[in-house]
């Protein structure tokens, strides 16, 4: 580094994924308090980090130390309620996918809300703004549609019948 000048590093310094695309931080989700951010590191390491992290911090595990709930996990979403609950999709080598309701510091994978066969794929997951339920995209029963389920795992219901493709899933806060 040289103040006020552009300098070429020797050897060249390359910043990028370089074949490590699956080892980034994905699916960020703010905690209702605004004090921390949840995210998925790599292919399933559910983590949280302070809203004001120090240099080189990677955060802490969302589950109790030593708990490895799923082989793979993604679509992390903190509850919109002032709780320490979060949703995520997990799956293992069988290929079946499960939407879980996890609890920060929990000693297991959390409560399974719905199991989706590998052929049906979950592609998106979001809480309703009032916390009364969640919606997710899946191609269950054919085309990609929006589904609803309550946080206790009841009330699974298909909300759309597009007969085609539904795009990305996003809910606006209240």
N, C-alpha and C. Protein backbone atom coordinates (compact mmCIF):
# COMPACT_ATOMS: atom_id res chain seq x y z
N UNK A 1 0.84 -1.18 0.00
CA UNK A 1 0.00 0.00 0.00
C UNK A 1 0.88 1.24 0.00
N UNK A 2 0.37 2.24 -0.69
CA UNK A 2 1.07 3.51 -0.71
C UNK A 2 0.01 4.60 -0.74
N UNK A 3 0.01 5.46 0.24
CA UNK A 3 -1.00 6.51 0.37
C UNK A 3 -1.07 7.35 -0.89
N UNK A 4 -2.29 7.53 -1.41
CA UNK A 4 -2.53 8.39 -2.56
C UNK A 4 -2.05 7.86 -3.88
N UNK A 5 -1.73 6.58 -3.96
CA UNK A 5 -1.21 6.04 -5.22
C UNK A 5 -1.78 4.65 -5.48
N UNK A 6 -1.87 4.30 -6.75
CA UNK A 6 -2.21 2.94 -7.14
C UNK A 6 -0.92 2.16 -7.27
N UNK A 7 -0.87 0.99 -6.64
CA UNK A 7 0.34 0.18 -6.65
C UNK A 7 -0.03 -1.22 -7.11
N UNK A 8 0.78 -1.82 -7.95
CA UNK A 8 0.56 -3.19 -8.40
C UNK A 8 1.22 -4.14 -7.41
N UNK A 9 0.43 -5.08 -6.91
CA UNK A 9 0.96 -6.06 -5.95
C UNK A 9 1.83 -7.06 -6.68
N UNK A 10 2.92 -7.47 -6.06
CA UNK A 10 3.82 -8.48 -6.62
C UNK A 10 4.00 -9.59 -5.60
N UNK A 11 3.60 -10.81 -5.82
CA UNK A 11 2.84 -11.23 -6.99
C UNK A 11 1.43 -10.66 -6.94
N UNK A 12 0.70 -10.82 -8.05
CA UNK A 12 -0.65 -10.26 -8.16
C UNK A 12 -1.54 -10.82 -7.06
N UNK A 13 -2.37 -9.97 -6.50
CA UNK A 13 -3.33 -10.36 -5.48
C UNK A 13 -4.70 -10.45 -6.14
N UNK A 14 -5.33 -11.63 -6.09
CA UNK A 14 -6.62 -11.84 -6.71
C UNK A 14 -7.65 -12.01 -5.60
N UNK A 15 -8.69 -11.19 -5.66
CA UNK A 15 -9.77 -11.30 -4.68
C UNK A 15 -10.99 -11.82 -5.42
N UNK A 16 -11.49 -12.98 -5.02
CA UNK A 16 -12.65 -13.57 -5.68
C UNK A 16 -12.86 -14.97 -5.15
N UNK A 17 -13.90 -15.62 -5.67
CA UNK A 17 -14.23 -16.95 -5.17
C UNK A 17 -13.25 -18.00 -5.65
N UNK A 18 -12.72 -17.84 -6.85
CA UNK A 18 -11.70 -18.75 -7.36
C UNK A 18 -12.05 -20.22 -7.19
N UNK A 19 -13.29 -20.60 -7.51
CA UNK A 19 -13.69 -22.00 -7.37
C UNK A 19 -14.25 -22.33 -6.01
N UNK A 20 -14.37 -21.35 -5.14
CA UNK A 20 -14.90 -21.60 -3.80
C UNK A 20 -16.26 -20.94 -3.61
N UNK A 21 -17.06 -20.94 -4.66
CA UNK A 21 -18.35 -20.25 -4.61
C UNK A 21 -19.26 -20.76 -3.50
N UNK A 22 -19.15 -22.03 -3.14
CA UNK A 22 -20.01 -22.60 -2.11
C UNK A 22 -19.53 -22.30 -0.69
N UNK A 23 -18.50 -21.47 -0.55
CA UNK A 23 -17.97 -21.19 0.78
C UNK A 23 -18.14 -19.74 1.19
N UNK A 24 -19.03 -19.03 0.53
CA UNK A 24 -19.31 -17.65 0.89
C UNK A 24 -20.39 -17.57 1.95
N UNK A 25 -20.78 -16.35 2.29
CA UNK A 25 -21.86 -16.10 3.24
C UNK A 25 -23.11 -15.77 2.43
N UNK A 26 -24.19 -16.52 2.66
CA UNK A 26 -25.43 -16.36 1.89
C UNK A 26 -26.64 -16.25 2.81
N UNK A 27 -27.76 -15.89 2.23
CA UNK A 27 -29.06 -15.79 2.89
C UNK A 27 -29.01 -14.96 4.17
N UNK A 28 -28.55 -13.71 4.08
CA UNK A 28 -28.51 -12.88 5.28
C UNK A 28 -29.91 -12.53 5.75
N UNK A 29 -30.09 -12.44 7.05
CA UNK A 29 -31.39 -12.12 7.63
C UNK A 29 -31.17 -11.36 8.94
N UNK A 30 -31.71 -10.14 9.02
CA UNK A 30 -31.57 -9.35 10.24
C UNK A 30 -32.47 -9.88 11.34
N UNK A 31 -31.96 -9.94 12.54
CA UNK A 31 -32.76 -10.25 13.73
C UNK A 31 -33.68 -9.06 13.98
N UNK A 32 -34.86 -9.31 14.49
CA UNK A 32 -35.85 -8.25 14.75
C UNK A 32 -35.26 -7.10 15.55
N UNK A 33 -34.35 -7.39 16.49
CA UNK A 33 -33.75 -6.36 17.33
C UNK A 33 -32.81 -5.44 16.56
N UNK A 34 -32.36 -5.89 15.38
CA UNK A 34 -31.39 -5.13 14.61
C UNK A 34 -29.98 -5.22 15.15
N UNK A 35 -29.78 -6.03 16.19
CA UNK A 35 -28.47 -6.12 16.83
C UNK A 35 -27.56 -7.18 16.21
N UNK A 36 -28.13 -8.04 15.36
CA UNK A 36 -27.32 -9.12 14.77
C UNK A 36 -27.91 -9.54 13.44
N UNK A 37 -27.07 -10.21 12.69
CA UNK A 37 -27.41 -10.69 11.37
C UNK A 37 -27.17 -12.19 11.35
N UNK A 38 -28.15 -12.95 10.87
CA UNK A 38 -27.98 -14.38 10.67
C UNK A 38 -27.60 -14.63 9.22
N UNK A 39 -26.84 -15.68 8.96
CA UNK A 39 -26.45 -16.02 7.60
C UNK A 39 -26.00 -17.47 7.55
N UNK A 40 -25.84 -17.97 6.34
CA UNK A 40 -25.35 -19.33 6.13
C UNK A 40 -23.96 -19.22 5.55
N UNK A 41 -23.00 -19.82 6.22
CA UNK A 41 -21.61 -19.81 5.76
C UNK A 41 -21.33 -21.14 5.08
N UNK A 42 -20.85 -21.07 3.86
CA UNK A 42 -20.55 -22.30 3.13
C UNK A 42 -21.83 -23.01 2.73
N UNK A 43 -21.84 -24.30 2.93
CA UNK A 43 -22.98 -25.11 2.49
C UNK A 43 -23.88 -25.53 3.64
N UNK A 44 -23.88 -24.80 4.74
CA UNK A 44 -24.82 -25.16 5.79
C UNK A 44 -24.43 -24.76 7.19
N UNK A 45 -23.42 -23.95 7.35
CA UNK A 45 -23.00 -23.51 8.68
C UNK A 45 -23.85 -22.31 9.07
N UNK A 46 -24.90 -22.53 9.87
CA UNK A 46 -25.81 -21.46 10.28
C UNK A 46 -25.14 -20.62 11.35
N UNK A 47 -24.99 -19.31 11.07
CA UNK A 47 -24.22 -18.44 11.95
C UNK A 47 -24.96 -17.13 12.20
N UNK A 48 -24.45 -16.39 13.18
CA UNK A 48 -24.92 -15.04 13.45
C UNK A 48 -23.71 -14.17 13.78
N UNK A 49 -23.86 -12.88 13.50
CA UNK A 49 -22.77 -11.95 13.77
C UNK A 49 -23.37 -10.64 14.25
N UNK A 50 -22.66 -9.96 15.10
CA UNK A 50 -23.09 -8.67 15.62
C UNK A 50 -23.27 -7.68 14.48
N UNK A 51 -24.17 -6.74 14.66
CA UNK A 51 -24.36 -5.68 13.67
C UNK A 51 -23.13 -4.78 13.60
N UNK A 52 -22.27 -4.84 14.60
CA UNK A 52 -21.03 -4.06 14.64
C UNK A 52 -19.84 -5.00 14.89
N UNK A 53 -19.55 -5.89 13.94
CA UNK A 53 -18.48 -6.88 14.17
C UNK A 53 -17.10 -6.23 14.15
N UNK A 54 -16.17 -6.90 14.81
CA UNK A 54 -14.78 -6.47 14.75
C UNK A 54 -14.12 -6.99 13.50
N UNK A 55 -12.89 -6.58 13.24
CA UNK A 55 -12.17 -7.04 12.06
C UNK A 55 -12.02 -8.57 12.03
N UNK A 56 -12.25 -9.15 10.88
CA UNK A 56 -12.08 -10.58 10.61
C UNK A 56 -13.00 -11.49 11.41
N UNK A 57 -14.05 -10.96 12.03
CA UNK A 57 -15.00 -11.82 12.75
C UNK A 57 -15.86 -12.58 11.76
N UNK A 58 -16.16 -13.83 12.07
CA UNK A 58 -17.05 -14.64 11.23
C UNK A 58 -18.32 -15.01 11.98
N UNK A 59 -18.49 -14.47 13.18
CA UNK A 59 -19.71 -14.72 13.93
C UNK A 59 -19.66 -16.02 14.71
N UNK A 60 -20.79 -16.35 15.30
CA UNK A 60 -20.94 -17.54 16.13
C UNK A 60 -21.97 -18.47 15.52
N UNK A 61 -21.88 -19.74 15.86
CA UNK A 61 -22.87 -20.72 15.40
C UNK A 61 -24.23 -20.38 15.98
N UNK A 62 -25.28 -20.59 15.21
CA UNK A 62 -26.63 -20.35 15.71
C UNK A 62 -27.08 -21.44 16.68
N UNK A 63 -26.62 -22.66 16.44
CA UNK A 63 -26.95 -23.76 17.34
C UNK A 63 -25.88 -23.89 18.41
N UNK A 64 -26.19 -24.63 19.47
CA UNK A 64 -25.22 -24.87 20.53
C UNK A 64 -23.96 -25.48 19.94
N UNK A 65 -22.85 -25.21 20.55
CA UNK A 65 -21.57 -25.71 20.07
C UNK A 65 -21.61 -27.22 19.90
N UNK A 66 -21.12 -27.68 18.77
CA UNK A 66 -21.07 -29.12 18.52
C UNK A 66 -22.30 -29.67 17.83
N UNK A 67 -23.39 -28.89 17.75
CA UNK A 67 -24.60 -29.36 17.08
C UNK A 67 -24.44 -29.12 15.59
N UNK A 68 -24.57 -30.16 14.82
CA UNK A 68 -24.51 -30.06 13.37
C UNK A 68 -25.82 -30.63 12.83
N UNK A 69 -26.85 -29.78 12.72
CA UNK A 69 -28.19 -30.28 12.45
C UNK A 69 -28.38 -30.91 11.08
N UNK A 70 -27.75 -30.40 10.06
CA UNK A 70 -27.98 -30.86 8.70
C UNK A 70 -26.67 -30.95 7.95
N UNK A 71 -26.64 -31.80 6.95
CA UNK A 71 -25.46 -31.83 6.11
C UNK A 71 -25.39 -30.56 5.27
N UNK A 72 -26.54 -30.07 4.79
CA UNK A 72 -26.61 -28.85 4.02
C UNK A 72 -27.78 -28.02 4.54
N UNK A 73 -27.65 -26.70 4.52
CA UNK A 73 -28.73 -25.82 4.96
C UNK A 73 -28.65 -24.50 4.21
N UNK A 74 -29.81 -23.87 4.03
CA UNK A 74 -29.85 -22.56 3.39
C UNK A 74 -31.18 -21.88 3.71
N UNK A 75 -31.46 -20.78 3.04
CA UNK A 75 -32.69 -19.99 3.20
C UNK A 75 -32.96 -19.60 4.65
N UNK A 76 -31.97 -19.13 5.36
CA UNK A 76 -32.13 -18.69 6.74
C UNK A 76 -33.02 -17.45 6.80
N UNK A 77 -33.96 -17.43 7.76
CA UNK A 77 -34.84 -16.26 7.94
C UNK A 77 -35.21 -16.14 9.42
N UNK A 78 -34.73 -15.06 10.08
CA UNK A 78 -35.11 -14.81 11.48
C UNK A 78 -36.60 -14.51 11.56
N UNK A 79 -37.20 -14.86 12.68
CA UNK A 79 -38.60 -14.54 12.93
C UNK A 79 -38.78 -13.03 12.98
N UNK A 80 -39.92 -12.51 12.48
CA UNK A 80 -40.19 -11.08 12.58
C UNK A 80 -40.66 -10.70 13.99
N UNK A 81 -40.89 -11.70 14.84
CA UNK A 81 -41.30 -11.47 16.22
C UNK A 81 -40.05 -11.31 17.09
N UNK A 82 -40.17 -10.69 18.26
CA UNK A 82 -39.00 -10.51 19.13
C UNK A 82 -38.64 -11.82 19.84
N UNK A 83 -38.29 -12.84 19.05
CA UNK A 83 -37.90 -14.14 19.58
C UNK A 83 -36.53 -14.49 19.00
N UNK A 84 -36.00 -15.61 19.40
CA UNK A 84 -34.74 -16.08 18.84
C UNK A 84 -34.97 -17.29 17.95
N UNK A 85 -36.12 -17.32 17.28
CA UNK A 85 -36.45 -18.39 16.35
C UNK A 85 -36.10 -17.98 14.93
N UNK A 86 -35.81 -18.98 14.12
CA UNK A 86 -35.50 -18.74 12.72
C UNK A 86 -35.93 -19.94 11.90
N UNK A 87 -36.15 -19.70 10.63
CA UNK A 87 -36.49 -20.76 9.68
C UNK A 87 -35.26 -21.06 8.84
N UNK A 88 -35.17 -22.28 8.38
CA UNK A 88 -34.16 -22.63 7.39
C UNK A 88 -34.57 -23.91 6.70
N UNK A 89 -34.00 -24.12 5.53
CA UNK A 89 -34.20 -25.38 4.81
C UNK A 89 -32.96 -26.22 5.02
N UNK A 90 -33.16 -27.48 5.37
CA UNK A 90 -32.06 -28.41 5.54
C UNK A 90 -32.29 -29.66 4.73
N UNK A 91 -31.21 -30.29 4.31
CA UNK A 91 -31.32 -31.57 3.62
C UNK A 91 -30.03 -32.34 3.79
N UNK A 92 -30.13 -33.63 3.55
CA UNK A 92 -28.96 -34.49 3.70
C UNK A 92 -28.78 -35.30 2.43
N UNK A 93 -27.98 -36.34 2.48
CA UNK A 93 -27.66 -37.12 1.28
C UNK A 93 -28.87 -37.81 0.67
N UNK A 94 -29.97 -37.98 1.41
CA UNK A 94 -31.17 -38.60 0.84
C UNK A 94 -31.79 -37.69 -0.21
N UNK A 95 -31.53 -36.39 -0.09
CA UNK A 95 -32.09 -35.43 -1.04
C UNK A 95 -33.39 -34.81 -0.60
N UNK A 96 -34.12 -35.45 0.34
CA UNK A 96 -35.35 -34.86 0.83
C UNK A 96 -35.02 -33.58 1.58
N UNK A 97 -35.87 -32.58 1.45
CA UNK A 97 -35.66 -31.28 2.08
C UNK A 97 -36.67 -31.08 3.19
N UNK A 98 -36.25 -30.42 4.25
CA UNK A 98 -37.14 -30.14 5.37
C UNK A 98 -37.02 -28.68 5.73
N UNK A 99 -38.16 -28.03 5.96
CA UNK A 99 -38.16 -26.68 6.50
C UNK A 99 -38.25 -26.82 8.00
N UNK A 100 -37.29 -26.21 8.70
CA UNK A 100 -37.19 -26.30 10.16
C UNK A 100 -37.44 -24.95 10.81
N UNK A 101 -37.98 -25.01 12.03
CA UNK A 101 -38.05 -23.85 12.91
C UNK A 101 -37.01 -24.09 13.98
N UNK A 102 -35.91 -23.36 13.91
CA UNK A 102 -34.82 -23.52 14.86
C UNK A 102 -34.85 -22.43 15.92
N UNK A 103 -34.11 -22.66 16.99
CA UNK A 103 -34.00 -21.69 18.07
C UNK A 103 -32.52 -21.43 18.31
N UNK A 104 -32.16 -20.16 18.42
CA UNK A 104 -30.77 -19.79 18.69
C UNK A 104 -30.29 -20.51 19.94
N UNK A 105 -29.13 -21.15 19.86
CA UNK A 105 -28.56 -21.89 20.98
C UNK A 105 -29.17 -23.26 21.18
N UNK A 106 -30.07 -23.67 20.27
CA UNK A 106 -30.74 -24.97 20.39
C UNK A 106 -29.77 -26.14 20.32
N UNK A 107 -30.19 -27.26 20.92
CA UNK A 107 -29.33 -28.44 20.98
C UNK A 107 -29.69 -29.48 19.92
N UNK A 108 -30.63 -29.13 19.02
CA UNK A 108 -30.97 -30.03 17.92
C UNK A 108 -31.32 -29.20 16.69
N UNK A 109 -31.73 -29.85 15.63
CA UNK A 109 -32.00 -29.17 14.36
C UNK A 109 -33.22 -28.27 14.42
N UNK A 110 -34.03 -28.39 15.45
CA UNK A 110 -35.25 -27.61 15.54
C UNK A 110 -36.46 -28.45 15.16
N UNK A 111 -37.61 -27.80 15.10
CA UNK A 111 -38.85 -28.49 14.78
C UNK A 111 -39.02 -28.60 13.28
N UNK A 112 -39.14 -29.83 12.75
CA UNK A 112 -39.42 -29.96 11.31
C UNK A 112 -40.86 -29.53 11.03
N UNK A 113 -41.05 -28.60 10.10
CA UNK A 113 -42.39 -28.11 9.79
C UNK A 113 -43.00 -28.84 8.61
N UNK A 114 -42.21 -29.10 7.58
CA UNK A 114 -42.71 -29.81 6.41
C UNK A 114 -41.53 -30.48 5.72
N UNK A 115 -41.74 -31.71 5.27
CA UNK A 115 -40.72 -32.44 4.51
C UNK A 115 -41.13 -32.42 3.04
N UNK A 116 -40.19 -32.04 2.20
CA UNK A 116 -40.43 -31.92 0.76
C UNK A 116 -39.58 -32.98 0.06
N UNK A 117 -40.20 -33.87 -0.72
CA UNK A 117 -39.41 -34.86 -1.45
C UNK A 117 -38.38 -34.19 -2.37
N UNK A 118 -37.27 -34.86 -2.58
CA UNK A 118 -36.17 -34.31 -3.38
C UNK A 118 -36.64 -33.85 -4.75
N UNK A 119 -37.61 -34.51 -5.31
CA UNK A 119 -38.08 -34.15 -6.66
C UNK A 119 -38.87 -32.85 -6.68
N UNK A 120 -39.28 -32.35 -5.51
CA UNK A 120 -40.15 -31.18 -5.46
C UNK A 120 -39.45 -29.87 -5.14
N UNK A 121 -38.26 -29.87 -4.62
CA UNK A 121 -37.42 -28.71 -4.35
C UNK A 121 -38.13 -27.51 -3.70
N UNK A 122 -37.55 -27.02 -2.63
CA UNK A 122 -37.94 -25.75 -2.02
C UNK A 122 -37.04 -24.69 -2.62
N UNK A 123 -37.61 -23.57 -3.04
CA UNK A 123 -36.81 -22.50 -3.64
C UNK A 123 -37.27 -21.15 -3.10
N UNK A 124 -37.01 -20.89 -1.87
CA UNK A 124 -37.39 -19.62 -1.25
C UNK A 124 -38.19 -19.87 0.00
N UNK A 125 -38.02 -18.98 0.97
CA UNK A 125 -38.64 -19.16 2.27
C UNK A 125 -38.73 -17.80 2.93
N UNK A 126 -39.91 -17.43 3.43
CA UNK A 126 -40.07 -16.12 4.07
C UNK A 126 -41.18 -16.17 5.12
N UNK A 127 -40.98 -15.43 6.20
CA UNK A 127 -42.02 -15.27 7.22
C UNK A 127 -43.07 -14.29 6.72
N UNK A 128 -44.31 -14.46 7.17
CA UNK A 128 -45.29 -13.39 7.01
C UNK A 128 -44.88 -12.29 7.98
N UNK A 129 -45.11 -11.03 7.65
CA UNK A 129 -44.63 -9.93 8.49
C UNK A 129 -45.12 -9.98 9.94
N UNK A 130 -46.29 -10.57 10.19
CA UNK A 130 -46.79 -10.64 11.57
C UNK A 130 -46.36 -11.91 12.30
N UNK A 131 -45.58 -12.77 11.64
CA UNK A 131 -45.07 -13.98 12.26
C UNK A 131 -46.09 -15.11 12.36
N UNK A 132 -47.27 -14.94 11.78
CA UNK A 132 -48.33 -15.95 11.90
C UNK A 132 -48.13 -17.16 11.00
N UNK A 133 -47.18 -17.09 10.10
CA UNK A 133 -46.93 -18.20 9.20
C UNK A 133 -45.74 -17.91 8.31
N UNK A 134 -45.51 -18.82 7.41
CA UNK A 134 -44.44 -18.65 6.45
C UNK A 134 -44.90 -19.12 5.09
N UNK A 135 -44.23 -18.60 4.08
CA UNK A 135 -44.51 -19.03 2.72
C UNK A 135 -43.20 -19.54 2.12
N UNK A 136 -43.34 -20.45 1.18
CA UNK A 136 -42.17 -20.96 0.48
C UNK A 136 -42.56 -21.32 -0.94
N UNK A 137 -41.59 -21.35 -1.82
CA UNK A 137 -41.80 -21.78 -3.19
C UNK A 137 -41.44 -23.25 -3.30
N UNK A 138 -42.25 -24.00 -4.02
CA UNK A 138 -41.93 -25.40 -4.27
C UNK A 138 -42.68 -25.85 -5.51
N UNK A 139 -42.13 -26.84 -6.18
CA UNK A 139 -42.84 -27.41 -7.32
C UNK A 139 -43.60 -28.67 -6.89
N UNK A 140 -44.04 -28.69 -5.64
CA UNK A 140 -44.91 -29.78 -5.18
C UNK A 140 -46.13 -29.84 -6.09
N UNK A 141 -46.55 -31.02 -6.40
CA UNK A 141 -47.74 -31.25 -7.22
C UNK A 141 -47.66 -30.56 -8.58
N UNK A 142 -46.47 -30.52 -9.16
CA UNK A 142 -46.35 -29.99 -10.51
C UNK A 142 -45.59 -28.70 -10.60
N UNK A 143 -46.27 -27.64 -11.00
CA UNK A 143 -45.62 -26.36 -11.26
C UNK A 143 -45.13 -25.68 -9.99
N UNK A 144 -44.19 -24.79 -10.16
CA UNK A 144 -43.62 -24.02 -9.05
C UNK A 144 -44.67 -23.04 -8.53
N UNK A 145 -45.05 -23.19 -7.27
CA UNK A 145 -46.09 -22.36 -6.68
C UNK A 145 -45.71 -21.94 -5.27
N UNK A 146 -46.51 -21.04 -4.72
CA UNK A 146 -46.33 -20.54 -3.36
C UNK A 146 -47.17 -21.38 -2.41
N UNK A 147 -46.56 -21.79 -1.31
CA UNK A 147 -47.22 -22.59 -0.28
C UNK A 147 -47.16 -21.85 1.04
N UNK A 148 -48.12 -22.14 1.93
CA UNK A 148 -48.21 -21.54 3.26
C UNK A 148 -48.17 -22.65 4.31
N UNK A 149 -47.58 -22.35 5.46
CA UNK A 149 -47.62 -23.24 6.61
C UNK A 149 -47.47 -22.39 7.88
N UNK A 150 -48.12 -22.80 8.95
CA UNK A 150 -48.00 -22.09 10.23
C UNK A 150 -46.70 -22.50 10.93
N UNK A 151 -46.21 -21.66 11.86
CA UNK A 151 -44.95 -21.97 12.56
C UNK A 151 -45.01 -23.24 13.41
N UNK A 152 -46.21 -23.76 13.69
CA UNK A 152 -46.30 -25.01 14.44
C UNK A 152 -46.35 -26.22 13.52
N UNK A 153 -46.26 -25.99 12.20
CA UNK A 153 -46.26 -27.08 11.23
C UNK A 153 -47.63 -27.43 10.69
N UNK A 154 -48.68 -26.76 11.15
CA UNK A 154 -50.04 -27.06 10.68
C UNK A 154 -50.43 -26.15 9.53
N UNK A 155 -51.51 -26.49 8.87
CA UNK A 155 -52.12 -25.64 7.86
C UNK A 155 -51.42 -25.57 6.52
N UNK A 156 -50.67 -26.61 6.15
CA UNK A 156 -50.00 -26.60 4.84
C UNK A 156 -51.04 -26.40 3.75
N UNK A 157 -50.81 -25.38 2.91
CA UNK A 157 -51.79 -25.03 1.90
C UNK A 157 -51.10 -24.42 0.68
N UNK A 158 -51.52 -24.85 -0.50
CA UNK A 158 -51.01 -24.26 -1.73
C UNK A 158 -51.77 -22.97 -1.98
N UNK A 159 -51.06 -21.85 -2.15
CA UNK A 159 -51.70 -20.54 -2.32
C UNK A 159 -51.89 -20.14 -3.77
N UNK A 160 -51.01 -20.60 -4.66
CA UNK A 160 -51.14 -20.24 -6.07
C UNK A 160 -51.28 -21.49 -6.91
N UNK A 161 -51.92 -21.34 -8.04
CA UNK A 161 -52.04 -22.41 -9.02
C UNK A 161 -51.75 -21.80 -10.37
N UNK A 162 -50.48 -21.57 -10.61
CA UNK A 162 -50.05 -20.82 -11.77
C UNK A 162 -50.09 -21.60 -13.08
N UNK A 163 -49.85 -22.89 -13.01
CA UNK A 163 -49.75 -23.64 -14.24
C UNK A 163 -48.51 -23.23 -15.04
N UNK A 164 -47.56 -22.63 -14.36
CA UNK A 164 -46.34 -22.17 -15.01
C UNK A 164 -45.26 -21.98 -13.97
N UNK A 165 -44.55 -20.89 -14.07
CA UNK A 165 -43.43 -20.65 -13.18
C UNK A 165 -43.67 -19.39 -12.36
N UNK A 166 -43.49 -19.49 -11.06
CA UNK A 166 -43.53 -18.33 -10.18
C UNK A 166 -42.10 -17.87 -10.00
N UNK A 167 -41.86 -16.56 -10.03
CA UNK A 167 -40.51 -16.03 -9.89
C UNK A 167 -40.01 -16.10 -8.47
N UNK A 168 -39.18 -15.15 -8.08
CA UNK A 168 -38.59 -15.12 -6.74
C UNK A 168 -39.63 -14.73 -5.70
N UNK A 169 -39.35 -15.09 -4.46
CA UNK A 169 -40.25 -14.85 -3.35
C UNK A 169 -39.72 -13.70 -2.49
N UNK A 170 -40.56 -12.70 -2.24
CA UNK A 170 -40.18 -11.58 -1.37
C UNK A 170 -41.43 -11.04 -0.70
N UNK A 171 -41.33 -10.74 0.58
CA UNK A 171 -42.43 -10.12 1.30
C UNK A 171 -41.98 -8.77 1.80
N UNK A 172 -42.85 -7.81 1.72
CA UNK A 172 -42.54 -6.48 2.22
C UNK A 172 -42.89 -6.39 3.70
N UNK A 173 -42.07 -5.73 4.50
CA UNK A 173 -42.40 -5.58 5.91
C UNK A 173 -43.61 -4.68 6.09
N UNK A 174 -44.24 -4.82 7.26
CA UNK A 174 -45.41 -3.97 7.54
C UNK A 174 -44.97 -2.58 7.86
